[in-house]
Amino acid sequence: MNDARPPLVELAGASRAYVAGSPEQVVALRAVDLAIPSGEFVSVEGPSGCGKTTLLNLVGLLDSPTSGEVRWGGRPVGSLSDRERARLRLRGVGFIFQRFYLLPTLTALENVELPMRPLGVPRAERTRRASELLGEVGLAGRERAFPHQLSGGEEQRVAVARALANRPGILLADEPTGELDSGNTRAILDLLERVRHDRSATLVLVTHNPEVAARARRHLTMRDGSIVRDARETGT
């Protein structure tokens, strides 16, 4: 789809195949062309196994295409060293996973601090910023709680705060409300939309839930590793 804004991230003919057992290959993504401008809210929908998570992993630099190209700010990611890719991922991308992936031996505060450590953020600044972010997601006073002491909704809020720790330009959310009740789902979506607006961040959200997808302004539908529909709401 056409958009006047320059793309933050682009996929150009990007495919991803995995070896399932010699000589068989499973093609998870098939020659996808996609441009995502800064500040956009995109939902990615489709049945299980259609390539949604693979697409998210390529956009977020967790994986590389077996053919085609991924570009960030117009620059081919394949031209970057491993160290440059890692720093771009740390600084530019915030991941929110369905199952949270909080470290059980760390407190909520320490889990949010974690992404800042590889960037050399001083300890006092890490603590200040993590505390501030937990306050933003409604968890002031829960900084010292361990994951097993938190509800599912609280764990997800910690995961959102952690994703924001390095002020990323794009948030990638893989079924972020899949294990939440309807009340917590609305609260998380409200929070993500507020973050997107306040921080001018891009949000790409994978979901099976049509009510969750309806919150987005652009809707991608995937089938068999391809994007079969790309629709943007008018007037947005």
Protein backbone atom coordinates (compact mmCIF):
# COMPACT_ATOMS: atom_id res chain seq x y z
CA MET A 1 0.00 0.00 0.00
CA ASN A 2 1.14 3.54 -0.65
CA ASP A 3 2.01 5.82 2.25
CA ALA A 4 3.58 9.27 2.11
CA ARG A 5 5.73 8.57 5.16
CA PRO A 6 9.15 6.98 4.65
CA PRO A 7 9.26 3.35 5.79
CA LEU A 8 10.91 2.52 9.09
CA VAL A 9 11.37 -1.09 8.05
CA GLU A 10 10.92 -2.87 4.72
CA LEU A 11 10.84 -6.44 3.51
CA ALA A 12 11.71 -6.86 -0.18
CA GLY A 13 10.97 -10.30 -1.59
CA ALA A 14 11.76 -11.78 1.83
CA SER A 15 11.43 -15.55 2.19
CA ARG A 16 12.31 -17.85 5.06
CA ALA A 17 12.70 -21.60 4.77
CA TYR A 18 13.58 -24.09 7.49
CA VAL A 19 14.99 -27.58 7.12
CA ALA A 20 12.44 -29.94 8.62
CA GLY A 21 14.39 -33.09 7.80
CA SER A 22 16.77 -33.65 4.95
CA PRO A 23 16.04 -33.01 2.12
CA GLU A 24 12.66 -31.56 3.07
CA GLN A 25 12.24 -27.82 3.65
CA VAL A 26 9.36 -25.92 5.22
CA VAL A 27 8.80 -22.50 3.66
CA ALA A 28 7.44 -20.24 6.40
CA LEU A 29 7.51 -16.99 4.41
CA ARG A 30 7.20 -16.58 0.64
CA ALA A 31 8.69 -13.54 -1.15
CA VAL A 32 6.97 -10.96 1.07
CA ASP A 33 7.07 -7.28 0.13
CA LEU A 34 6.12 -4.99 3.01
CA ALA A 35 6.83 -1.41 4.05
CA ILE A 36 5.92 -0.17 7.54
CA PRO A 37 6.09 3.61 8.09
CA SER A 38 6.97 5.15 11.44
CA GLY A 39 4.04 5.59 13.82
CA GLU A 40 1.75 3.02 12.22
CA PHE A 41 -0.40 0.49 14.10
CA VAL A 42 -0.50 -2.78 12.15
CA SER A 43 -2.31 -6.01 12.98
CA VAL A 44 -1.18 -9.31 11.48
CA GLU A 45 -3.86 -11.98 11.31
CA GLY A 46 -4.18 -15.49 9.93
CA PRO A 47 -4.36 -19.15 10.98
CA SER A 48 -1.66 -20.90 12.99
CA GLY A 49 1.37 -21.77 10.91
CA CYS A 50 0.76 -19.12 8.24
CA GLY A 51 4.01 -17.24 8.93
CA LYS A 52 2.94 -14.46 11.32
CA THR A 53 5.64 -15.04 13.92
CA THR A 54 8.28 -15.58 11.22
CA LEU A 55 7.33 -12.22 9.73
CA LEU A 56 7.63 -10.60 13.14
CA ASN A 57 11.04 -12.20 13.71
CA LEU A 58 12.36 -10.84 10.41
CA VAL A 59 11.05 -7.34 11.11
CA GLY A 60 12.59 -7.46 14.59
CA LEU A 61 15.97 -8.82 13.43
CA LEU A 62 15.61 -12.00 15.46
CA ASP A 63 15.97 -13.96 12.22
CA SER A 64 17.28 -13.41 8.70
CA PRO A 65 15.62 -14.21 5.36
CA THR A 66 16.92 -17.12 3.29
CA SER A 67 16.28 -14.95 0.24
CA GLY A 68 15.24 -11.34 -0.30
CA GLU A 69 16.11 -8.44 1.94
CA VAL A 70 15.19 -6.60 5.13
CA ARG A 71 15.92 -2.87 5.30
CA TRP A 72 15.90 -0.52 8.27
CA GLY A 73 15.76 3.19 7.44
CA GLY A 74 16.57 2.23 3.86
CA ARG A 75 19.74 0.36 4.84
CA PRO A 76 19.97 -3.37 4.07
CA VAL A 77 20.26 -5.24 7.35
CA GLY A 78 22.35 -7.89 5.63
CA SER A 79 25.16 -5.34 5.28
CA LEU A 80 25.43 -4.95 9.06
CA SER A 81 27.83 -6.87 11.27
CA ASP A 82 26.41 -9.13 13.99
CA ARG A 83 27.33 -6.48 16.56
CA GLU A 84 25.59 -3.72 14.60
CA ARG A 85 22.47 -5.86 14.21
CA ALA A 86 22.43 -6.61 17.94
CA ARG A 87 22.72 -2.94 18.87
CA LEU A 88 20.02 -1.96 16.36
CA ARG A 89 17.76 -4.63 17.82
CA LEU A 90 18.46 -3.49 21.38
CA ARG A 91 17.97 0.20 20.64
CA GLY A 92 15.31 0.08 17.95
CA VAL A 93 13.02 -2.85 18.75
CA GLY A 94 10.84 -3.69 21.74
CA PHE A 95 9.45 -7.25 21.90
CA ILE A 96 6.29 -8.21 23.79
CA PHE A 97 5.74 -11.96 23.88
CA GLN A 98 2.56 -13.88 24.66
CA ARG A 99 4.21 -15.88 27.43
CA PHE A 100 6.03 -12.89 28.89
CA TYR A 101 9.46 -14.60 29.29
CA LEU A 102 10.24 -12.80 32.52
CA LEU A 103 13.24 -14.20 34.38
CA PRO A 104 11.80 -15.85 37.51
CA THR A 105 14.81 -15.07 39.70
CA LEU A 106 14.61 -11.32 39.01
CA THR A 107 12.16 -8.81 40.45
CA ALA A 108 9.83 -6.79 38.23
CA LEU A 109 12.27 -3.88 38.46
CA GLU A 110 15.26 -6.05 37.54
CA ASN A 111 13.41 -7.60 34.58
CA VAL A 112 12.71 -4.13 33.18
CA GLU A 113 16.31 -3.06 33.78
CA LEU A 114 17.68 -6.07 31.90
CA PRO A 115 17.65 -4.73 28.28
CA MET A 116 19.51 -1.60 29.39
CA ARG A 117 22.54 -3.48 30.71
CA PRO A 118 24.12 -4.43 27.34
CA LEU A 119 23.95 -0.77 26.30
CA GLY A 120 26.00 0.27 29.32
CA VAL A 121 23.30 2.35 30.98
CA PRO A 122 24.54 3.22 34.50
CA ARG A 123 22.88 1.34 37.33
CA ALA A 124 21.26 4.40 38.89
CA GLU A 125 19.76 5.42 35.56
CA ARG A 126 18.54 1.86 34.91
CA THR A 127 16.80 1.79 38.27
CA ARG A 128 15.27 5.23 37.81
CA ARG A 129 13.98 4.46 34.33
CA ALA A 130 12.67 0.98 35.20
CA SER A 131 10.79 2.39 38.18
CA GLU A 132 9.34 5.15 36.01
CA LEU A 133 8.19 2.66 33.37
CA LEU A 134 6.56 0.38 35.94
CA GLY A 135 4.68 3.42 37.18
CA GLU A 136 3.52 4.17 33.63
CA VAL A 137 2.04 0.68 33.29
CA GLY A 138 0.26 0.90 36.64
CA LEU A 139 2.69 -1.14 38.73
CA ALA A 140 4.06 1.47 41.10
CA GLY A 141 4.76 -0.30 44.39
CA ARG A 142 5.26 -3.69 42.74
CA GLU A 143 8.91 -3.13 41.79
CA ARG A 144 10.25 -5.73 44.23
CA ALA A 145 7.73 -8.45 43.38
CA PHE A 146 8.98 -11.59 41.64
CA PRO A 147 7.06 -12.98 38.62
CA HIS A 148 5.44 -15.77 40.68
CA GLN A 149 3.97 -13.07 42.94
CA LEU A 150 2.30 -11.26 40.03
CA SER A 151 -1.00 -11.92 38.26
CA GLY A 152 -1.01 -12.67 34.53
CA GLY A 153 -2.07 -9.12 33.76
CA GLU A 154 0.69 -7.72 35.97
CA GLU A 155 3.29 -9.95 34.32
CA GLN A 156 2.21 -8.69 30.91
CA ARG A 157 2.51 -5.11 32.11
CA VAL A 158 6.06 -5.82 33.26
CA ALA A 159 6.75 -7.28 29.80
CA VAL A 160 5.42 -4.08 28.19
CA ALA A 161 7.59 -1.93 30.47
CA ARG A 162 10.63 -4.07 29.61
CA ALA A 163 9.91 -3.66 25.89
CA LEU A 164 9.97 0.13 26.35
CA ALA A 165 13.21 0.21 28.35
CA ASN A 166 15.48 1.36 25.51
CA ARG A 167 12.93 3.74 23.91
CA PRO A 168 12.44 1.63 20.76
CA GLY A 169 11.03 3.03 17.56
CA ILE A 170 8.96 -0.12 16.96
CA LEU A 171 7.06 -2.45 19.29
CA LEU A 172 6.48 -6.01 18.11
CA ALA A 173 3.75 -7.85 20.01
CA ASP A 174 3.20 -11.58 19.39
CA GLU A 175 -0.24 -12.52 20.74
CA PRO A 176 0.27 -10.19 23.71
CA THR A 177 -3.25 -10.73 25.03
CA GLY A 178 -3.61 -14.43 24.24
CA GLU A 179 -3.55 -15.50 27.89
CA LEU A 180 -5.46 -12.56 29.36
CA ASP A 181 -9.10 -12.11 30.27
CA SER A 182 -11.20 -9.48 28.50
CA GLY A 183 -10.57 -6.80 31.14
CA ASN A 184 -6.82 -7.19 31.07
CA THR A 185 -6.89 -7.42 27.26
CA ARG A 186 -8.57 -4.01 27.02
CA ALA A 187 -6.16 -2.55 29.56
CA ILE A 188 -3.09 -3.80 27.66
CA LEU A 189 -4.42 -2.55 24.32
CA ASP A 190 -5.24 0.84 25.83
CA LEU A 191 -1.72 0.98 27.20
CA LEU A 192 -0.09 0.03 23.89
CA GLU A 193 -2.12 2.60 21.99
CA ARG A 194 -1.22 5.28 24.52
CA VAL A 195 2.46 4.37 24.26
CA ARG A 196 2.29 4.44 20.47
CA HIS A 197 0.69 7.87 20.52
CA ASP A 198 2.81 9.43 23.27
CA ARG A 199 6.12 8.09 21.97
CA SER A 200 5.33 8.19 18.22
CA ALA A 201 6.21 4.50 18.13
CA THR A 202 5.28 1.93 15.50
CA LEU A 203 3.22 -1.04 16.72
CA VAL A 204 2.96 -4.38 14.91
CA LEU A 205 0.65 -6.82 16.67
CA VAL A 206 0.11 -10.49 15.80
CA THR A 207 -3.26 -11.82 16.93
CA HIS A 208 -5.93 -14.44 16.32
CA ASN A 209 -8.54 -12.24 18.00
CA PRO A 210 -10.60 -10.08 15.58
CA GLU A 211 -11.59 -7.72 18.40
CA VAL A 212 -7.91 -7.08 19.16
CA ALA A 213 -7.09 -6.65 15.46
CA ALA A 214 -9.89 -4.11 15.12
CA ARG A 215 -7.91 -1.66 17.25
CA ALA A 216 -5.26 -1.37 14.51
CA ARG A 217 -5.37 1.08 11.61
CA ARG A 218 -3.79 -1.26 9.08
CA HIS A 219 -4.63 -4.93 8.73
CA LEU A 220 -2.44 -7.63 7.19
CA THR A 221 -3.89 -11.11 6.59
CA MET A 222 -1.55 -14.02 5.96
CA ARG A 223 -2.06 -17.41 4.38
CA ASP A 224 0.59 -20.05 3.66
CA GLY A 225 3.51 -17.68 4.18
CA SER A 226 2.15 -14.86 2.04
CA ILE A 227 0.33 -11.60 2.74
CA VAL A 228 -3.02 -12.01 0.99
CA ARG A 229 -4.62 -8.81 2.23
CA ASP A 230 -3.21 -5.40 3.19
CA ALA A 231 -5.90 -2.90 4.12
CA ARG A 232 -5.60 0.46 5.80
CA GLU A 233 -8.62 2.18 7.35
CA THR A 234 -9.61 5.35 5.58
CA GLY A 235 -9.28 8.64 7.41
CA THR A 236 -6.35 7.47 9.57
